[in-house]
Amino acid sequence: MTNENNNGVPLKNENEEAICLKKIGERLKYFRKKAGYNNYEYFAYDHNISRPQYGKYEAGANIQLNTLLKILKAMNVAFLNCESNK
């Protein structure tokens, strides 16, 4: 499976993927602070997320999409509206 950047263009190498993950981590940190949490451990604890793992996400560790969506929902950040229109 080919990794792609946000424009659908294949990533050139693992270094580019690491840079992308680092940027995601920086955005998570930004939104956590915007949500009023100065400490990532308090945010993780309050939202039932593993504190050590969440710290790794902010540092640029690989993250699964379902975990990212859970975190964004806890931060009240809209990524996609996946709710069905009933």
Protein backbone atom coordinates (compact mmCIF):
# COMPACT_ATOMS: atom_id res chain seq x y z
CA MET A 1 0.00 0.00 0.00
CA THR A 2 1.38 3.42 -0.97
CA ASN A 3 1.40 6.18 1.62
CA GLU A 4 0.06 9.52 0.37
CA ASN A 5 0.25 13.09 1.57
CA ASN A 6 -2.82 15.31 2.04
CA ASN A 7 -2.89 16.07 -1.72
CA GLY A 8 -3.08 12.38 -2.66
CA VAL A 9 0.53 12.44 -3.88
CA PRO A 10 2.62 9.42 -2.85
CA LEU A 11 5.12 10.15 -0.08
CA LYS A 12 8.72 9.94 -1.30
CA ASN A 13 10.21 8.17 1.70
CA GLU A 14 9.89 7.36 5.37
CA ASN A 15 11.44 10.72 6.30
CA GLU A 16 8.59 12.55 4.59
CA GLU A 17 6.11 10.35 6.48
CA ALA A 18 7.87 11.19 9.76
CA ILE A 19 7.63 14.90 8.95
CA CYS A 20 3.91 14.54 8.26
CA LEU A 21 3.34 12.67 11.55
CA LYS A 22 5.31 15.36 13.39
CA LYS A 23 3.01 18.02 11.90
CA ILE A 24 -0.05 16.03 13.01
CA GLY A 25 1.44 15.90 16.52
CA GLU A 26 1.98 19.65 16.50
CA ARG A 27 -1.65 20.22 15.47
CA LEU A 28 -2.87 17.87 18.23
CA LYS A 29 -0.87 19.90 20.74
CA TYR A 30 -2.30 23.15 19.35
CA PHE A 31 -5.90 21.94 19.60
CA ARG A 32 -5.33 20.45 23.07
CA LYS A 33 -4.09 23.80 24.32
CA LYS A 34 -6.96 25.56 22.55
CA ALA A 35 -9.32 23.23 24.44
CA GLY A 36 -7.82 24.54 27.70
CA TYR A 37 -5.40 21.75 28.56
CA ASN A 38 -1.84 22.92 29.21
CA ASN A 39 -0.74 19.38 30.10
CA TYR A 40 -1.27 16.48 27.69
CA GLU A 41 -1.62 14.02 30.59
CA TYR A 42 -4.70 15.79 31.96
CA PHE A 43 -6.30 15.85 28.53
CA ALA A 44 -5.60 12.15 27.97
CA TYR A 45 -6.86 11.20 31.43
CA ASP A 46 -10.06 13.23 31.10
CA HIS A 47 -10.85 11.60 27.73
CA ASN A 48 -9.90 8.00 28.58
CA ILE A 49 -6.85 7.93 26.30
CA SER A 50 -3.60 6.25 27.32
CA ARG A 51 -1.45 9.08 28.70
CA PRO A 52 1.90 7.68 27.51
CA GLN A 53 0.49 6.87 24.08
CA TYR A 54 -1.11 10.29 23.68
CA GLY A 55 2.23 11.90 24.51
CA LYS A 56 3.79 9.83 21.72
CA TYR A 57 1.13 11.04 19.27
CA GLU A 58 2.00 14.65 20.03
CA ALA A 59 5.66 13.77 19.53
CA GLY A 60 4.93 12.38 16.06
CA ALA A 61 4.28 8.68 16.58
CA ASN A 62 2.16 6.80 14.06
CA ILE A 63 -1.55 7.03 14.84
CA GLN A 64 -4.51 5.02 13.61
CA LEU A 65 -7.31 6.94 11.95
CA ASN A 66 -9.96 5.79 14.44
CA THR A 67 -7.76 6.98 17.32
CA LEU A 68 -7.18 10.33 15.61
CA LEU A 69 -10.93 10.77 15.12
CA LYS A 70 -11.58 9.94 18.79
CA ILE A 71 -9.03 12.54 19.88
CA LEU A 72 -10.39 15.20 17.51
CA LYS A 73 -13.92 14.54 18.78
CA ALA A 74 -12.71 14.99 22.38
CA MET A 75 -11.15 18.31 21.30
CA ASN A 76 -14.39 19.30 19.58
CA VAL A 77 -12.54 19.62 16.27
CA ALA A 78 -14.51 18.73 13.15
CA PHE A 79 -12.54 16.66 10.65
CA LEU A 80 -15.40 14.99 8.82
CA ASN A 81 -19.07 14.84 9.59
CA CYS A 82 -19.59 11.08 9.62
CA GLU A 83 -22.98 11.14 11.29
CA SER A 84 -25.85 9.84 9.22
CA ASN A 85 -28.65 12.24 8.31
CA LYS A 86 -31.77 10.58 9.65
